[in-house]
Amino acid sequence: MKEENTKLSSDEILALSPDEVVRKFENFVYSIVNKVHRSLALRINVEDLESYGMLGLLEAHSRFKPENNRTFTTYAYYRVRGAILDGCRKEGWIPRERKKKAQQMKDVDQVLETEAEERAGAGPAKSFSDAVSRVADVVSSSAVIVLMDQQDLQSVYDEAKKPEQHQRLEKEQTRRFLLQALDMLDDDERDIVIRFHFENEKMDTIGEAYGCSKSWISRVHKRALKKMYFQLQRFGIQSAS
């Protein structure tokens, strides 16, 4: 019989043994497992994903630091989803037609996780306009990520590395607009977007290369996506759907 999860403080969660963590949060993990299974239309049993979800949960517990008012479940959510997606990729369980969606989920999760950390550090919104601004940042970032992931990323990446080749994409309007939006970014912004989205580097790895913190890389990344979002709107691209 599954033990129901109860409201625990951060200190109480940190004091749990690995076995206790699994018992307390197994329903939480099963919920995430089922959502990923449905989203990617996986042709495997849900139970095959559970071990990866539990590994993500235990990793989150071992690394969790209750700072900046962030909650364990928010922190663990992205670790569990990431572990499940990585496991699916490793085992070759993701159907070919769903691989772009899996990458999209991974990219959006990393942005949302960073946004959640920043919101926790900033505290509650100080006004209604502040709350709206925070939501708008998430929406604009996610929209650009989805748009990039819907394109042939290798072609976009190759062209982004060779700006003089832009004319080769004249018949592919959306991709051409995306390249133009990339070109309008500052050098650091463009480099971070390319490394994160096209070279699949993690933000902390990029931060090490720059000699900067992950939070600084995150701020530059968010600023770049916001610029791209507004530029794409000017081109008449209202959404990434």
C-alpha atoms as a PDB file:
ATOM      1  CA  MET A   1       0.000   0.000   0.000  1.00  0.00           C
ATOM      2  CA  LYS A   2       1.362   3.411  -0.977  1.00  0.00           C
ATOM      3  CA  GLU A   3       2.048   5.837   1.797  1.00  0.00           C
ATOM      4  CA  GLU A   4       0.385   9.185   1.243  1.00  0.00           C
ATOM      5  CA  ASN A   5       2.742  12.129   0.975  1.00  0.00           C
ATOM      6  CA  THR A   6       2.293  14.675   3.741  1.00  0.00           C
ATOM      7  CA  LYS A   7       3.338  18.295   3.944  1.00  0.00           C
ATOM      8  CA  LEU A   8       6.922  18.304   5.144  1.00  0.00           C
ATOM      9  CA  SER A   9       9.293  21.135   5.841  1.00  0.00           C
ATOM     10  CA  SER A  10      12.569  21.335   3.928  1.00  0.00           C
ATOM     11  CA  ASP A  11      14.512  20.215   7.005  1.00  0.00           C
ATOM     12  CA  GLU A  12      12.228  17.214   7.451  1.00  0.00           C
ATOM     13  CA  ILE A  13      12.667  16.254   3.797  1.00  0.00           C
ATOM     14  CA  LEU A  14      16.458  16.489   4.069  1.00  0.00           C
ATOM     15  CA  ALA A  15      16.361  14.193   7.112  1.00  0.00           C
ATOM     16  CA  LEU A  16      14.571  11.421   5.200  1.00  0.00           C
ATOM     17  CA  SER A  17      16.440   8.279   4.209  1.00  0.00           C
ATOM     18  CA  PRO A  18      16.388   7.234   0.536  1.00  0.00           C
ATOM     19  CA  ASP A  19      13.764   4.562   1.281  1.00  0.00           C
ATOM     20  CA  GLU A  20      11.596   7.118   3.066  1.00  0.00           C
ATOM     21  CA  VAL A  21      11.925   9.564   0.171  1.00  0.00           C
ATOM     22  CA  VAL A  22      10.699   6.898  -2.259  1.00  0.00           C
ATOM     23  CA  ARG A  23       7.729   6.032  -0.040  1.00  0.00           C
ATOM     24  CA  LYS A  24       6.767   9.655   0.596  1.00  0.00           C
ATOM     25  CA  PHE A  25       7.050  10.829  -3.011  1.00  0.00           C
ATOM     26  CA  GLU A  26       6.231   7.756  -5.100  1.00  0.00           C
ATOM     27  CA  ASN A  27       2.814   9.115  -6.101  1.00  0.00           C
ATOM     28  CA  PHE A  28       4.509  12.359  -7.155  1.00  0.00           C
ATOM     29  CA  VAL A  29       6.914  10.390  -9.379  1.00  0.00           C
ATOM     30  CA  TYR A  30       4.155   8.174 -10.809  1.00  0.00           C
ATOM     31  CA  SER A  31       2.200  11.278 -11.814  1.00  0.00           C
ATOM     32  CA  ILE A  32       5.175  12.648 -13.765  1.00  0.00           C
ATOM     33  CA  VAL A  33       5.872   9.244 -15.334  1.00  0.00           C
ATOM     34  CA  ASN A  34       2.303   8.986 -16.618  1.00  0.00           C
ATOM     35  CA  LYS A  35       2.379  12.502 -18.086  1.00  0.00           C
ATOM     36  CA  VAL A  36       5.624  11.844 -19.979  1.00  0.00           C
ATOM     37  CA  HIS A  37       4.321   8.475 -21.184  1.00  0.00           C
ATOM     38  CA  ARG A  38       1.181  10.122 -22.604  1.00  0.00           C
ATOM     39  CA  SER A  39       2.963  13.141 -24.049  1.00  0.00           C
ATOM     40  CA  LEU A  40       5.462  11.067 -26.032  1.00  0.00           C
ATOM     41  CA  ALA A  41       3.003   8.268 -26.898  1.00  0.00           C
ATOM     42  CA  LEU A  42       5.582   5.707 -25.793  1.00  0.00           C
ATOM     43  CA  ARG A  43       5.038   2.088 -26.843  1.00  0.00           C
ATOM     44  CA  ILE A  44       6.321   0.660 -23.577  1.00  0.00           C
ATOM     45  CA  ASN A  45       4.793  -0.056 -20.196  1.00  0.00           C
ATOM     46  CA  VAL A  46       4.602   2.823 -17.745  1.00  0.00           C
ATOM     47  CA  GLU A  47       6.465   0.648 -15.224  1.00  0.00           C
ATOM     48  CA  ASP A  48       9.549   0.727 -17.470  1.00  0.00           C
ATOM     49  CA  LEU A  49       9.877   4.459 -16.798  1.00  0.00           C
ATOM     50  CA  GLU A  50       9.423   4.333 -13.041  1.00  0.00           C
ATOM     51  CA  SER A  51      12.980   3.304 -12.198  1.00  0.00           C
ATOM     52  CA  TYR A  52      14.355   6.323 -14.067  1.00  0.00           C
ATOM     53  CA  GLY A  53      11.854   8.568 -12.300  1.00  0.00           C
ATOM     54  CA  MET A  54      12.944   7.232  -8.910  1.00  0.00           C
ATOM     55  CA  LEU A  55      16.596   7.789  -9.792  1.00  0.00           C
ATOM     56  CA  GLY A  56      15.743  11.410 -10.604  1.00  0.00           C
ATOM     57  CA  LEU A  57      13.912  11.740  -7.291  1.00  0.00           C
ATOM     58  CA  LEU A  58      16.845  10.400  -5.279  1.00  0.00           C
ATOM     59  CA  GLU A  59      19.294  12.620  -7.154  1.00  0.00           C
ATOM     60  CA  ALA A  60      17.083  15.619  -6.376  1.00  0.00           C
ATOM     61  CA  HIS A  61      16.988  14.669  -2.694  1.00  0.00           C
ATOM     62  CA  SER A  62      20.770  14.326  -2.508  1.00  0.00           C
ATOM     63  CA  ARG A  63      21.334  17.722  -4.149  1.00  0.00           C
ATOM     64  CA  PHE A  64      18.457  19.749  -2.736  1.00  0.00           C
ATOM     65  CA  LYS A  65      19.384  22.882  -0.819  1.00  0.00           C
ATOM     66  CA  PRO A  66      16.456  24.768   0.772  1.00  0.00           C
ATOM     67  CA  GLU A  67      17.543  28.236  -0.228  1.00  0.00           C
ATOM     68  CA  ASN A  68      15.715  31.185  -1.779  1.00  0.00           C
ATOM     69  CA  ASN A  69      12.354  29.780  -0.617  1.00  0.00           C
ATOM     70  CA  ARG A  70      12.298  27.080  -3.294  1.00  0.00           C
ATOM     71  CA  THR A  71      10.337  23.933  -2.505  1.00  0.00           C
ATOM     72  CA  PHE A  72      11.562  20.377  -2.841  1.00  0.00           C
ATOM     73  CA  THR A  73       8.742  19.332  -5.152  1.00  0.00           C
ATOM     74  CA  THR A  74       9.483  22.173  -7.582  1.00  0.00           C
ATOM     75  CA  TYR A  75      13.175  21.266  -7.582  1.00  0.00           C
ATOM     76  CA  ALA A  76      12.494  17.523  -7.842  1.00  0.00           C
ATOM     77  CA  TYR A  77       9.911  17.856 -10.616  1.00  0.00           C
ATOM     78  CA  TYR A  78      12.484  18.883 -13.218  1.00  0.00           C
ATOM     79  CA  ARG A  79      15.048  16.330 -12.001  1.00  0.00           C
ATOM     80  CA  VAL A  80      12.496  13.529 -12.269  1.00  0.00           C
ATOM     81  CA  ARG A  81      11.292  14.584 -15.735  1.00  0.00           C
ATOM     82  CA  GLY A  82      14.865  15.031 -16.934  1.00  0.00           C
ATOM     83  CA  ALA A  83      15.873  11.581 -15.673  1.00  0.00           C
ATOM     84  CA  ILE A  84      12.873   9.992 -17.402  1.00  0.00           C
ATOM     85  CA  LEU A  85      13.594  11.762 -20.711  1.00  0.00           C
ATOM     86  CA  ASP A  86      17.291  10.864 -20.520  1.00  0.00           C
ATOM     87  CA  GLY A  87      16.368   7.248 -19.812  1.00  0.00           C
ATOM     88  CA  CYS A  88      13.992   7.131 -22.774  1.00  0.00           C
ATOM     89  CA  ARG A  89      16.677   8.523 -25.040  1.00  0.00           C
ATOM     90  CA  LYS A  90      19.305   6.094 -23.728  1.00  0.00           C
ATOM     91  CA  GLU A  91      17.032   3.078 -24.198  1.00  0.00           C
ATOM     92  CA  GLY A  92      15.815   4.189 -27.628  1.00  0.00           C
ATOM     93  CA  TRP A  93      12.193   4.239 -26.462  1.00  0.00           C
ATOM     94  CA  ILE A  94      11.224   7.548 -28.070  1.00  0.00           C
ATOM     95  CA  PRO A  95       9.520   7.121 -31.474  1.00  0.00           C
ATOM     96  CA  ARG A  96      11.333   8.971 -34.245  1.00  0.00           C
ATOM     97  CA  GLU A  97       8.371  11.278 -34.836  1.00  0.00           C
ATOM     98  CA  ARG A  98       8.416  12.270 -31.141  1.00  0.00           C
ATOM     99  CA  LYS A  99      12.125  13.003 -30.710  1.00  0.00           C
ATOM    100  CA  LYS A 100      11.726  16.706 -31.441  1.00  0.00           C
ATOM    101  CA  LYS A 101       8.957  16.928 -28.864  1.00  0.00           C
ATOM    102  CA  ALA A 102      11.154  15.193 -26.276  1.00  0.00           C
ATOM    103  CA  GLN A 103      13.932  17.707 -26.895  1.00  0.00           C
ATOM    104  CA  GLN A 104      11.406  20.520 -26.711  1.00  0.00           C
ATOM    105  CA  MET A 105      10.194  19.257 -23.331  1.00  0.00           C
ATOM    106  CA  LYS A 106      13.774  19.095 -22.064  1.00  0.00           C
ATOM    107  CA  ASP A 107      14.639  22.606 -23.264  1.00  0.00           C
ATOM    108  CA  VAL A 108      11.460  24.182 -21.888  1.00  0.00           C
ATOM    109  CA  ASP A 109      11.957  22.394 -18.562  1.00  0.00           C
ATOM    110  CA  GLN A 110      15.437  23.858 -18.159  1.00  0.00           C
ATOM    111  CA  VAL A 111      14.132  27.355 -18.794  1.00  0.00           C
ATOM    112  CA  LEU A 112      11.139  26.917 -16.474  1.00  0.00           C
ATOM    113  CA  GLU A 113      13.353  25.467 -13.747  1.00  0.00           C
ATOM    114  CA  THR A 114      15.636  28.482 -13.896  1.00  0.00           C
ATOM    115  CA  GLU A 115      12.620  30.803 -13.952  1.00  0.00           C
ATOM    116  CA  ALA A 116      11.243  29.043 -10.846  1.00  0.00           C
ATOM    117  CA  GLU A 117      14.551  29.462  -9.026  1.00  0.00           C
ATOM    118  CA  GLU A 118      14.690  33.145  -9.896  1.00  0.00           C
ATOM    119  CA  ARG A 119      11.082  33.702  -8.817  1.00  0.00           C
ATOM    120  CA  ALA A 120      11.769  31.964  -5.509  1.00  0.00           C
ATOM    121  CA  GLY A 121      14.781  34.216  -4.921  1.00  0.00           C
ATOM    122  CA  ALA A 122      12.828  37.335  -5.851  1.00  0.00           C
ATOM    123  CA  GLY A 123       9.924  36.500  -3.563  1.00  0.00           C
ATOM    124  CA  PRO A 124       6.258  37.027  -4.414  1.00  0.00           C
ATOM    125  CA  ALA A 125       5.266  39.518  -7.108  1.00  0.00           C
ATOM    126  CA  LYS A 126       5.138  43.047  -5.727  1.00  0.00           C
ATOM    127  CA  SER A 127       2.227  44.099  -7.923  1.00  0.00           C
ATOM    128  CA  PHE A 128      -0.189  42.809 -10.543  1.00  0.00           C
ATOM    129  CA  SER A 129       1.966  44.258 -13.325  1.00  0.00           C
ATOM    130  CA  ASP A 130       5.012  42.495 -11.873  1.00  0.00           C
ATOM    131  CA  ALA A 131       3.110  39.189 -11.914  1.00  0.00           C
ATOM    132  CA  VAL A 132       2.002  39.756 -15.526  1.00  0.00           C
ATOM    133  CA  SER A 133       5.585  40.598 -16.518  1.00  0.00           C
ATOM    134  CA  ARG A 134       6.867  37.348 -15.019  1.00  0.00           C
ATOM    135  CA  VAL A 135       4.268  35.308 -16.875  1.00  0.00           C
ATOM    136  CA  ALA A 136       5.041  37.157 -20.125  1.00  0.00           C
ATOM    137  CA  ASP A 137       8.729  36.298 -19.765  1.00  0.00           C
ATOM    138  CA  VAL A 138       7.917  32.601 -19.444  1.00  0.00           C
ATOM    139  CA  VAL A 139       5.483  32.675 -22.370  1.00  0.00           C
ATOM    140  CA  SER A 140       7.889  34.484 -24.699  1.00  0.00           C
ATOM    141  CA  SER A 141      10.809  32.209 -23.768  1.00  0.00           C
ATOM    142  CA  SER A 142       8.754  29.044 -24.210  1.00  0.00           C
ATOM    143  CA  ALA A 143       7.293  30.224 -27.532  1.00  0.00           C
ATOM    144  CA  VAL A 144      10.727  30.813 -29.068  1.00  0.00           C
ATOM    145  CA  ILE A 145      12.010  27.458 -27.774  1.00  0.00           C
ATOM    146  CA  VAL A 146       9.042  25.629 -29.301  1.00  0.00           C
ATOM    147  CA  LEU A 147       9.562  27.440 -32.600  1.00  0.00           C
ATOM    148  CA  MET A 148      13.245  26.507 -32.704  1.00  0.00           C
ATOM    149  CA  ASP A 149      12.527  22.887 -31.834  1.00  0.00           C
ATOM    150  CA  GLN A 150       9.920  22.646 -34.596  1.00  0.00           C
ATOM    151  CA  GLN A 151      12.499  23.540 -37.222  1.00  0.00           C
ATOM    152  CA  ASP A 152      15.262  21.410 -38.715  1.00  0.00           C
ATOM    153  CA  LEU A 153      17.721  22.489 -36.025  1.00  0.00           C
ATOM    154  CA  GLN A 154      20.800  21.146 -37.787  1.00  0.00           C
ATOM    155  CA  SER A 155      20.051  23.292 -40.846  1.00  0.00           C
ATOM    156  CA  VAL A 156      19.391  26.345 -38.686  1.00  0.00           C
ATOM    157  CA  TYR A 157      22.552  25.668 -36.689  1.00  0.00           C
ATOM    158  CA  ASP A 158      24.682  25.276 -39.813  1.00  0.00           C
ATOM    159  CA  GLU A 159      23.331  28.511 -41.240  1.00  0.00           C
ATOM    160  CA  ALA A 160      23.722  30.361 -37.941  1.00  0.00           C
ATOM    161  CA  LYS A 161      27.399  29.399 -38.010  1.00  0.00           C
ATOM    162  CA  LYS A 162      27.637  30.598 -41.638  1.00  0.00           C
ATOM    163  CA  PRO A 163      25.635  33.844 -41.910  1.00  0.00           C
ATOM    164  CA  GLU A 164      26.714  34.321 -45.545  1.00  0.00           C
ATOM    165  CA  GLN A 165      24.674  31.252 -46.500  1.00  0.00           C
ATOM    166  CA  HIS A 166      21.316  32.782 -45.547  1.00  0.00           C
ATOM    167  CA  GLN A 167      20.092  32.921 -49.136  1.00  0.00           C
ATOM    168  CA  ARG A 168      19.877  29.115 -49.148  1.00  0.00           C
ATOM    169  CA  LEU A 169      16.860  29.389 -46.839  1.00  0.00           C
ATOM    170  CA  GLU A 170      14.860  31.886 -48.874  1.00  0.00           C
ATOM    171  CA  LYS A 171      12.070  29.398 -49.557  1.00  0.00           C
ATOM    172  CA  GLU A 172      11.795  28.463 -45.891  1.00  0.00           C
ATOM    173  CA  GLN A 173      10.369  31.636 -44.438  1.00  0.00           C
ATOM    174  CA  THR A 174      10.015  30.698 -40.799  1.00  0.00           C
ATOM    175  CA  ARG A 175      13.550  29.369 -40.592  1.00  0.00           C
ATOM    176  CA  ARG A 176      14.850  32.462 -42.352  1.00  0.00           C
ATOM    177  CA  PHE A 177      13.049  34.719 -39.860  1.00  0.00           C
ATOM    178  CA  LEU A 178      14.511  32.667 -37.034  1.00  0.00           C
ATOM    179  CA  LEU A 179      18.007  33.184 -38.423  1.00  0.00           C
ATOM    180  CA  GLN A 180      17.408  36.920 -38.732  1.00  0.00           C
ATOM    181  CA  ALA A 181      16.250  37.026 -35.121  1.00  0.00           C
ATOM    182  CA  LEU A 182      19.440  35.193 -34.110  1.00  0.00           C
ATOM    183  CA  ASP A 183      21.547  37.638 -36.124  1.00  0.00           C
ATOM    184  CA  MET A 184      20.069  40.595 -34.225  1.00  0.00           C
ATOM    185  CA  LEU A 185      21.345  39.278 -30.884  1.00  0.00           C
ATOM    186  CA  ASP A 186      24.570  40.419 -29.280  1.00  0.00           C
ATOM    187  CA  ASP A 187      27.519  38.056 -29.709  1.00  0.00           C
ATOM    188  CA  ASP A 188      27.230  36.587 -26.201  1.00  0.00           C
ATOM    189  CA  GLU A 189      23.460  36.203 -26.497  1.00  0.00           C
ATOM    190  CA  ARG A 190      23.718  34.425 -29.849  1.00  0.00           C
ATOM    191  CA  ASP A 191      26.520  32.161 -28.636  1.00  0.00           C
ATOM    192  CA  ILE A 192      24.577  31.147 -25.520  1.00  0.00           C
ATOM    193  CA  VAL A 193      21.388  30.435 -27.504  1.00  0.00           C
ATOM    194  CA  ILE A 194      23.298  28.311 -30.027  1.00  0.00           C
ATOM    195  CA  ARG A 195      25.239  26.399 -27.373  1.00  0.00           C
ATOM    196  CA  PHE A 196      22.163  25.725 -25.243  1.00  0.00           C
ATOM    197  CA  HIS A 197      19.611  24.904 -27.945  1.00  0.00           C
ATOM    198  CA  PHE A 198      21.703  23.601 -30.843  1.00  0.00           C
ATOM    199  CA  GLU A 199      24.737  22.084 -29.119  1.00  0.00           C
ATOM    200  CA  ASN A 200      22.762  20.811 -26.090  1.00  0.00           C
ATOM    201  CA  GLU A 201      25.147  22.253 -23.516  1.00  0.00           C
ATOM    202  CA  LYS A 202      23.793  22.794 -20.010  1.00  0.00           C
ATOM    203  CA  MET A 203      23.669  26.286 -18.547  1.00  0.00           C
ATOM    204  CA  ASP A 204      26.132  25.489 -15.785  1.00  0.00           C
ATOM    205  CA  THR A 205      28.582  24.117 -18.390  1.00  0.00           C
ATOM    206  CA  ILE A 206      28.239  27.289 -20.470  1.00  0.00           C
ATOM    207  CA  GLY A 207      28.753  29.312 -17.293  1.00  0.00           C
ATOM    208  CA  GLU A 208      32.022  27.501 -16.615  1.00  0.00           C
ATOM    209  CA  ALA A 209      33.224  28.311 -20.134  1.00  0.00           C
ATOM    210  CA  TYR A 210      32.381  31.992 -19.605  1.00  0.00           C
ATOM    211  CA  GLY A 211      33.726  32.065 -16.059  1.00  0.00           C
ATOM    212  CA  CYS A 212      30.287  33.185 -14.889  1.00  0.00           C
ATOM    213  CA  SER A 213      27.487  31.808 -12.738  1.00  0.00           C
ATOM    214  CA  LYS A 214      24.596  29.758 -14.086  1.00  0.00           C
ATOM    215  CA  SER A 215      22.218  32.554 -13.047  1.00  0.00           C
ATOM    216  CA  TRP A 216      24.109  35.092 -15.210  1.00  0.00           C
ATOM    217  CA  ILE A 217      23.931  32.742 -18.206  1.00  0.00           C
ATOM    218  CA  SER A 218      20.227  32.259 -17.501  1.00  0.00           C
ATOM    219  CA  ARG A 219      19.590  36.018 -17.483  1.00  0.00           C
ATOM    220  CA  VAL A 220      21.413  36.502 -20.787  1.00  0.00           C
ATOM    221  CA  HIS A 221      19.549  33.540 -22.275  1.00  0.00           C
ATOM    222  CA  LYS A 222      16.177  34.889 -21.151  1.00  0.00           C
ATOM    223  CA  ARG A 223      17.001  38.338 -22.522  1.00  0.00           C
ATOM    224  CA  ALA A 224      18.001  36.786 -25.855  1.00  0.00           C
ATOM    225  CA  LEU A 225      14.780  34.770 -26.158  1.00  0.00           C
ATOM    226  CA  LYS A 226      12.721  37.833 -25.314  1.00  0.00           C
ATOM    227  CA  LYS A 227      14.474  39.814 -28.074  1.00  0.00           C
ATOM    228  CA  MET A 228      13.885  36.978 -30.524  1.00  0.00           C
ATOM    229  CA  TYR A 229      10.234  36.722 -29.520  1.00  0.00           C
ATOM    230  CA  PHE A 230       9.536  40.398 -30.220  1.00  0.00           C
ATOM    231  CA  GLN A 231      11.508  40.272 -33.472  1.00  0.00           C
ATOM    232  CA  LEU A 232       9.552  37.236 -34.656  1.00  0.00           C
ATOM    233  CA  GLN A 233       6.315  39.020 -33.794  1.00  0.00           C
ATOM    234  CA  ARG A 234       7.413  41.879 -36.053  1.00  0.00           C
ATOM    235  CA  PHE A 235       7.831  39.307 -38.833  1.00  0.00           C
ATOM    236  CA  GLY A 236       4.222  38.259 -38.264  1.00  0.00           C
ATOM    237  CA  ILE A 237       4.954  35.004 -36.446  1.00  0.00           C
ATOM    238  CA  GLN A 238       2.547  35.130 -33.509  1.00  0.00           C
ATOM    239  CA  SER A 239       3.134  31.676 -32.080  1.00  0.00           C
ATOM    240  CA  ALA A 240       5.170  28.549 -32.457  1.00  0.00           C
ATOM    241  CA  SER A 241       2.216  26.275 -33.050  1.00  0.00           C
END
